[in-house]
Amino acid sequence: MKTKSFLGIFTAMAALLLSFPLYAQIFFPKTESKTIITQTSKIQKVEFTIKGMTCSGCEHHIKTEVSKLNGIVEIVVSYEKGNAIVKFDSKQTSITEIEKGINSTGYKSLKSKIIS
């Protein structure tokens, strides 16, 4: 009888831990943008190729850190595509600063490409 109870508890814990990537984002704070844009001509859009993301929690982690930088207008992160597309004010931040923000999360920014 003790074995069945132990097996039931162990199975429930295993299921909970294996499904962690599905609910990990609830542990991260909501990000709020505080950017004031003065000239739209200074807005750049850059795609970063990122290595190491495996779940939506990874996406949220990167999005939270990069959103802390001044001048971030929009950020879309995809672990499935392994990239992040960041729209930012080039007068307030730079591609190098955004790469540092990505790398500070433990994931690696491999390359960046200016989209527009």
Protein backbone atom coordinates (compact mmCIF):
# COMPACT_ATOMS: atom_id res chain seq x y z
CA MET A 1 0.00 0.00 0.00
CA LYS A 2 2.87 2.40 0.82
CA THR A 3 4.42 1.65 -2.56
CA LYS A 4 1.23 2.64 -4.42
CA SER A 5 1.03 5.94 -2.52
CA PHE A 6 4.68 6.69 -3.19
CA LEU A 7 4.28 5.82 -6.87
CA GLY A 8 1.21 8.06 -7.16
CA ILE A 9 2.99 11.02 -5.56
CA PHE A 10 6.09 10.44 -7.67
CA THR A 11 4.02 10.26 -10.87
CA ALA A 12 2.18 13.49 -10.04
CA MET A 13 5.47 15.29 -9.33
CA ALA A 14 7.02 14.00 -12.56
CA ALA A 15 4.03 15.21 -14.59
CA LEU A 16 4.18 18.62 -12.91
CA LEU A 17 7.90 19.01 -13.56
CA LEU A 18 7.70 17.80 -17.16
CA SER A 19 4.94 20.28 -17.96
CA PHE A 20 6.88 23.23 -16.48
CA PRO A 21 7.69 24.84 -19.88
CA LEU A 22 3.96 25.16 -20.50
CA TYR A 23 3.29 27.32 -17.44
CA ALA A 24 6.70 28.89 -16.70
CA GLN A 25 5.68 32.33 -17.96
CA ILE A 26 3.34 32.87 -14.98
CA PHE A 27 6.41 33.26 -12.74
CA PHE A 28 7.74 36.27 -14.68
CA PRO A 29 6.50 39.82 -14.11
CA LYS A 30 4.45 41.60 -16.76
CA THR A 31 6.51 44.00 -18.85
CA GLU A 32 5.40 47.54 -19.46
CA SER A 33 6.81 49.83 -22.11
CA LYS A 34 7.73 53.34 -21.03
CA THR A 35 9.20 54.68 -24.27
CA ILE A 36 8.46 58.16 -25.54
CA ILE A 37 9.20 58.47 -29.24
CA THR A 38 10.18 61.87 -30.53
CA GLN A 39 11.22 61.03 -34.10
CA THR A 40 10.07 57.96 -35.97
CA SER A 41 13.07 58.27 -38.31
CA LYS A 42 15.32 57.02 -35.49
CA ILE A 43 13.37 53.77 -35.06
CA GLN A 44 15.25 50.64 -36.13
CA LYS A 45 14.06 47.06 -36.41
CA VAL A 46 16.64 44.32 -35.85
CA GLU A 47 16.38 40.53 -35.83
CA PHE A 48 18.63 38.68 -33.39
CA THR A 49 19.37 34.96 -33.78
CA ILE A 50 19.41 33.42 -30.30
CA LYS A 51 20.79 30.05 -29.20
CA GLY A 52 19.51 28.09 -26.21
CA MET A 53 15.79 28.87 -25.96
CA THR A 54 13.59 25.81 -25.40
CA CYS A 55 10.23 27.08 -24.12
CA SER A 56 7.92 30.05 -23.71
CA GLY A 57 9.52 30.76 -20.35
CA CYS A 58 12.79 31.40 -22.20
CA GLU A 59 10.97 33.83 -24.50
CA HIS A 60 9.52 35.71 -21.56
CA HIS A 61 12.87 35.88 -19.77
CA ILE A 62 14.52 37.55 -22.78
CA LYS A 63 11.55 39.84 -23.37
CA THR A 64 11.58 40.99 -19.73
CA GLU A 65 15.31 41.79 -19.71
CA VAL A 66 15.40 43.58 -23.06
CA SER A 67 12.27 45.58 -22.19
CA LYS A 68 14.16 47.12 -19.26
CA LEU A 69 16.39 49.01 -21.72
CA ASN A 70 15.48 52.59 -22.64
CA GLY A 71 14.12 53.09 -26.13
CA ILE A 72 12.60 49.65 -26.70
CA VAL A 73 9.40 50.12 -28.70
CA GLU A 74 8.45 46.50 -29.38
CA ILE A 75 9.97 43.06 -28.91
CA VAL A 76 8.75 39.74 -30.28
CA VAL A 77 10.64 36.61 -29.18
CA SER A 78 10.14 33.09 -30.58
CA TYR A 79 11.84 30.02 -29.14
CA GLU A 80 10.51 27.98 -32.07
CA LYS A 81 12.28 30.20 -34.62
CA GLY A 82 15.21 30.91 -32.30
CA ASN A 83 15.01 34.66 -32.78
CA ALA A 84 13.93 38.00 -31.38
CA ILE A 85 12.74 40.94 -33.44
CA VAL A 86 13.30 44.22 -31.63
CA LYS A 87 12.03 47.64 -32.65
CA PHE A 88 13.89 50.41 -30.82
CA ASP A 89 14.86 54.08 -30.83
CA SER A 90 18.50 54.20 -31.95
CA LYS A 91 19.03 57.50 -30.08
CA GLN A 92 18.26 55.84 -26.73
CA THR A 93 19.88 52.40 -27.11
CA SER A 94 22.03 50.41 -29.52
CA ILE A 95 22.23 46.96 -31.06
CA THR A 96 25.22 46.22 -28.81
CA GLU A 97 23.23 47.11 -25.67
CA ILE A 98 20.35 44.87 -26.77
CA GLU A 99 22.79 41.99 -27.42
CA LYS A 100 24.22 42.50 -23.92
CA GLY A 101 20.68 42.35 -22.53
CA ILE A 102 19.99 39.09 -24.36
CA ASN A 103 23.32 37.57 -23.31
CA SER A 104 22.73 38.57 -19.67
CA THR A 105 19.82 36.11 -19.56
CA GLY A 106 22.14 33.17 -20.22
CA TYR A 107 21.09 32.72 -23.84
CA LYS A 108 23.51 33.56 -26.65
CA SER A 109 22.86 36.17 -29.34
CA LEU A 110 24.64 34.69 -32.36
CA LYS A 111 24.04 37.40 -34.95
CA SER A 112 21.92 40.43 -35.69
CA LYS A 113 20.39 41.66 -38.92
CA ILE A 114 18.85 45.09 -39.51
CA ILE A 115 15.38 44.68 -41.02
CA SER A 116 14.41 48.32 -41.50
